[in-house]
Amino acid sequence: MRIMLDTNVLISAIVFKSKKMNEIIAAISDEHKIVLSSYVIEELKQVVSRKFKGKLLALDDFLTALPYEFVYTPDTMNTKLFEIRDEMDYPVLYTAIIEDVDILVTGDKDFAEVDVEKPEIITPTEFITKYVAE
């Protein structure tokens, strides 16, 4: 499966060294394909630069070592595919849809309210429960 990670999942793994997030990333890397969009990577760089300046090298090291498929988020989007409360989240899901991603893993509660057929939108905990073999 092709699985896209949202910015908050990556921040938890890189900045906070979350065991759960790193377990998810390892499981996806081993058994599936990680997909990162240009939008998520730019947002990740901005957040780390603004809030966690000391983690910029860790971010570069992480992105250099992580095996992932890079997909481009268009500047111009069809804004009628779905509705989401936070318009800053639209490019994340829009890219997942147009790139035919199977799963979007996010801790952002705004995505829980969105009704789309694909991708499956799940939290990190739901991903572990459903897809990580024990």
C-alpha atoms as a PDB file:
ATOM      1  CA  MET A   1       0.000   0.000   0.000  1.00  0.00           C
ATOM      2  CA  ARG A   2       0.995   3.624  -0.502  1.00  0.00           C
ATOM      3  CA  ILE A   3       0.691   5.474   2.787  1.00  0.00           C
ATOM      4  CA  MET A   4       0.946   9.234   3.175  1.00  0.00           C
ATOM      5  CA  LEU A   5       2.082  10.745   6.460  1.00  0.00           C
ATOM      6  CA  ASP A   6       0.830  14.118   7.653  1.00  0.00           C
ATOM      7  CA  THR A   7       3.120  16.773   9.082  1.00  0.00           C
ATOM      8  CA  ASN A   8       2.138  16.137  12.716  1.00  0.00           C
ATOM      9  CA  VAL A   9       3.158  12.474  12.460  1.00  0.00           C
ATOM     10  CA  LEU A  10       6.566  13.445  11.076  1.00  0.00           C
ATOM     11  CA  ILE A  11       7.110  16.120  13.732  1.00  0.00           C
ATOM     12  CA  SER A  12       6.337  13.589  16.456  1.00  0.00           C
ATOM     13  CA  ALA A  13       8.896  11.203  14.973  1.00  0.00           C
ATOM     14  CA  ILE A  14      11.645  13.752  14.298  1.00  0.00           C
ATOM     15  CA  VAL A  15      11.314  16.353  17.031  1.00  0.00           C
ATOM     16  CA  PHE A  16       9.812  14.386  19.898  1.00  0.00           C
ATOM     17  CA  LYS A  17      11.305  11.009  18.913  1.00  0.00           C
ATOM     18  CA  SER A  18       7.930   9.372  19.585  1.00  0.00           C
ATOM     19  CA  LYS A  19       8.343   5.615  19.876  1.00  0.00           C
ATOM     20  CA  LYS A  20       4.854   5.053  18.424  1.00  0.00           C
ATOM     21  CA  MET A  21       5.475   7.294  15.386  1.00  0.00           C
ATOM     22  CA  ASN A  22       8.852   5.715  14.703  1.00  0.00           C
ATOM     23  CA  GLU A  23       7.235   2.265  14.966  1.00  0.00           C
ATOM     24  CA  ILE A  24       4.651   3.333  12.385  1.00  0.00           C
ATOM     25  CA  ILE A  25       7.294   4.716  10.037  1.00  0.00           C
ATOM     26  CA  ALA A  26       9.394   1.546  10.375  1.00  0.00           C
ATOM     27  CA  ALA A  27       6.376  -0.672   9.705  1.00  0.00           C
ATOM     28  CA  ILE A  28       5.413   1.309   6.623  1.00  0.00           C
ATOM     29  CA  SER A  29       8.998   1.334   5.338  1.00  0.00           C
ATOM     30  CA  ASP A  30       9.290  -2.430   5.789  1.00  0.00           C
ATOM     31  CA  GLU A  31       5.968  -3.483   4.305  1.00  0.00           C
ATOM     32  CA  HIS A  32       4.551  -0.577   2.302  1.00  0.00           C
ATOM     33  CA  LYS A  33       5.525   2.655   0.546  1.00  0.00           C
ATOM     34  CA  ILE A  34       5.755   5.978   2.389  1.00  0.00           C
ATOM     35  CA  VAL A  35       4.451   8.899   0.362  1.00  0.00           C
ATOM     36  CA  LEU A  36       5.371  12.486   1.232  1.00  0.00           C
ATOM     37  CA  SER A  37       3.991  15.470  -0.607  1.00  0.00           C
ATOM     38  CA  SER A  38       5.811  18.662  -1.454  1.00  0.00           C
ATOM     39  CA  TYR A  39       3.261  20.515   0.697  1.00  0.00           C
ATOM     40  CA  VAL A  40       3.908  18.362   3.780  1.00  0.00           C
ATOM     41  CA  ILE A  41       7.678  18.627   3.385  1.00  0.00           C
ATOM     42  CA  GLU A  42       7.515  22.425   3.065  1.00  0.00           C
ATOM     43  CA  GLU A  43       5.152  22.676   6.032  1.00  0.00           C
ATOM     44  CA  LEU A  44       7.459  20.399   8.021  1.00  0.00           C
ATOM     45  CA  LYS A  45      10.470  22.602   7.246  1.00  0.00           C
ATOM     46  CA  GLN A  46       8.552  25.747   8.210  1.00  0.00           C
ATOM     47  CA  VAL A  47       7.307  24.341  11.519  1.00  0.00           C
ATOM     48  CA  VAL A  48      10.697  22.939  12.526  1.00  0.00           C
ATOM     49  CA  SER A  49      12.442  26.167  11.501  1.00  0.00           C
ATOM     50  CA  ARG A  50       9.964  28.314  13.422  1.00  0.00           C
ATOM     51  CA  LYS A  51       9.437  26.212  16.561  1.00  0.00           C
ATOM     52  CA  PHE A  52      12.376  23.792  16.829  1.00  0.00           C
ATOM     53  CA  LYS A  53      15.423  25.462  15.220  1.00  0.00           C
ATOM     54  CA  GLY A  54      17.763  23.030  16.958  1.00  0.00           C
ATOM     55  CA  LYS A  55      16.147  20.140  15.082  1.00  0.00           C
ATOM     56  CA  LEU A  56      16.856  21.334  11.515  1.00  0.00           C
ATOM     57  CA  LEU A  57      19.837  18.991  11.140  1.00  0.00           C
ATOM     58  CA  ALA A  58      17.757  16.095  12.503  1.00  0.00           C
ATOM     59  CA  LEU A  59      15.088  16.924   9.924  1.00  0.00           C
ATOM     60  CA  ASP A  60      17.618  16.876   7.080  1.00  0.00           C
ATOM     61  CA  ASP A  61      19.110  13.610   8.344  1.00  0.00           C
ATOM     62  CA  PHE A  62      15.643  12.055   8.684  1.00  0.00           C
ATOM     63  CA  LEU A  63      14.492  13.043   5.190  1.00  0.00           C
ATOM     64  CA  THR A  64      17.797  11.947   3.670  1.00  0.00           C
ATOM     65  CA  ALA A  65      17.651   8.497   5.289  1.00  0.00           C
ATOM     66  CA  LEU A  66      13.916   7.862   4.926  1.00  0.00           C
ATOM     67  CA  PRO A  67      12.878   5.885   1.844  1.00  0.00           C
ATOM     68  CA  TYR A  68       9.811   7.626   0.417  1.00  0.00           C
ATOM     69  CA  GLU A  69       7.990   8.505  -2.753  1.00  0.00           C
ATOM     70  CA  PHE A  70       7.873  12.245  -3.346  1.00  0.00           C
ATOM     71  CA  VAL A  71       4.665  13.628  -4.873  1.00  0.00           C
ATOM     72  CA  TYR A  72       3.948  17.180  -5.926  1.00  0.00           C
ATOM     73  CA  THR A  73       1.111  19.230  -4.452  1.00  0.00           C
ATOM     74  CA  PRO A  74      -0.262  21.487  -7.197  1.00  0.00           C
ATOM     75  CA  ASP A  75      -0.510  25.221  -6.584  1.00  0.00           C
ATOM     76  CA  THR A  76      -3.964  25.240  -8.180  1.00  0.00           C
ATOM     77  CA  MET A  77      -6.505  22.763  -6.808  1.00  0.00           C
ATOM     78  CA  ASN A  78     -10.118  21.823  -7.363  1.00  0.00           C
ATOM     79  CA  THR A  79     -11.548  23.123  -4.083  1.00  0.00           C
ATOM     80  CA  LYS A  80     -14.824  21.251  -4.467  1.00  0.00           C
ATOM     81  CA  LEU A  81     -13.635  17.654  -3.920  1.00  0.00           C
ATOM     82  CA  PHE A  82     -14.405  17.690  -0.185  1.00  0.00           C
ATOM     83  CA  GLU A  83     -14.961  20.051   2.725  1.00  0.00           C
ATOM     84  CA  ILE A  84     -12.562  20.417   5.647  1.00  0.00           C
ATOM     85  CA  ARG A  85     -12.679  22.868   8.544  1.00  0.00           C
ATOM     86  CA  ASP A  86      -9.062  24.020   8.333  1.00  0.00           C
ATOM     87  CA  GLU A  87      -8.279  25.186   4.794  1.00  0.00           C
ATOM     88  CA  MET A  88      -4.547  24.637   5.472  1.00  0.00           C
ATOM     89  CA  ASP A  89      -5.300  20.894   5.567  1.00  0.00           C
ATOM     90  CA  TYR A  90      -6.935  20.878   2.120  1.00  0.00           C
ATOM     91  CA  PRO A  91      -3.657  20.482   0.160  1.00  0.00           C
ATOM     92  CA  VAL A  92      -2.666  17.439   2.232  1.00  0.00           C
ATOM     93  CA  LEU A  93      -5.819  15.460   1.485  1.00  0.00           C
ATOM     94  CA  TYR A  94      -6.136  16.834  -2.044  1.00  0.00           C
ATOM     95  CA  THR A  95      -2.673  15.503  -2.882  1.00  0.00           C
ATOM     96  CA  ALA A  96      -3.484  12.143  -1.292  1.00  0.00           C
ATOM     97  CA  ILE A  97      -6.598  11.896  -3.468  1.00  0.00           C
ATOM     98  CA  ILE A  98      -5.052  12.894  -6.786  1.00  0.00           C
ATOM     99  CA  GLU A  99      -2.029  10.663  -6.154  1.00  0.00           C
ATOM    100  CA  ASP A 100      -4.307   7.695  -5.345  1.00  0.00           C
ATOM    101  CA  VAL A 101      -2.801   7.111  -1.896  1.00  0.00           C
ATOM    102  CA  ASP A 102      -4.361   4.209   0.019  1.00  0.00           C
ATOM    103  CA  ILE A 103      -4.051   5.563   3.570  1.00  0.00           C
ATOM    104  CA  LEU A 104      -3.441   8.977   5.151  1.00  0.00           C
ATOM    105  CA  VAL A 105      -2.050   8.751   8.681  1.00  0.00           C
ATOM    106  CA  THR A 106      -2.700  11.914  10.683  1.00  0.00           C
ATOM    107  CA  GLY A 107      -3.233  13.023  14.241  1.00  0.00           C
ATOM    108  CA  ASP A 108      -5.194  16.080  13.059  1.00  0.00           C
ATOM    109  CA  LYS A 109      -8.806  15.790  14.237  1.00  0.00           C
ATOM    110  CA  ASP A 110     -10.062  17.977  11.361  1.00  0.00           C
ATOM    111  CA  PHE A 111      -9.558  15.046   8.994  1.00  0.00           C
ATOM    112  CA  ALA A 112     -11.888  12.803  11.034  1.00  0.00           C
ATOM    113  CA  GLU A 113     -14.884  14.832   9.864  1.00  0.00           C
ATOM    114  CA  VAL A 114     -14.047  14.541   6.160  1.00  0.00           C
ATOM    115  CA  ASP A 115     -16.060  12.106   4.061  1.00  0.00           C
ATOM    116  CA  VAL A 116     -13.996  10.667   1.200  1.00  0.00           C
ATOM    117  CA  GLU A 117     -13.983   7.185  -0.273  1.00  0.00           C
ATOM    118  CA  LYS A 118     -10.194   7.058  -0.605  1.00  0.00           C
ATOM    119  CA  PRO A 119      -7.744   7.407   1.044  1.00  0.00           C
ATOM    120  CA  GLU A 120      -8.624   5.776   4.325  1.00  0.00           C
ATOM    121  CA  ILE A 121      -7.920   8.459   6.933  1.00  0.00           C
ATOM    122  CA  ILE A 122      -6.704   7.038  10.227  1.00  0.00           C
ATOM    123  CA  THR A 123      -4.870   8.113  13.350  1.00  0.00           C
ATOM    124  CA  PRO A 124      -1.467   6.689  14.280  1.00  0.00           C
ATOM    125  CA  THR A 125      -3.095   4.536  16.975  1.00  0.00           C
ATOM    126  CA  GLU A 126      -5.652   3.181  14.504  1.00  0.00           C
ATOM    127  CA  PHE A 127      -2.852   2.414  12.042  1.00  0.00           C
ATOM    128  CA  ILE A 128      -0.953   0.396  14.641  1.00  0.00           C
ATOM    129  CA  THR A 129      -4.085  -1.494  15.690  1.00  0.00           C
ATOM    130  CA  LYS A 130      -5.162  -2.270  12.141  1.00  0.00           C
ATOM    131  CA  TYR A 131      -1.925  -2.677  10.176  1.00  0.00           C
ATOM    132  CA  VAL A 132       1.081  -3.321  12.422  1.00  0.00           C
ATOM    133  CA  ALA A 133       1.555  -7.017  13.164  1.00  0.00           C
ATOM    134  CA  GLU A 134       2.480  -7.779  16.728  1.00  0.00           C
END
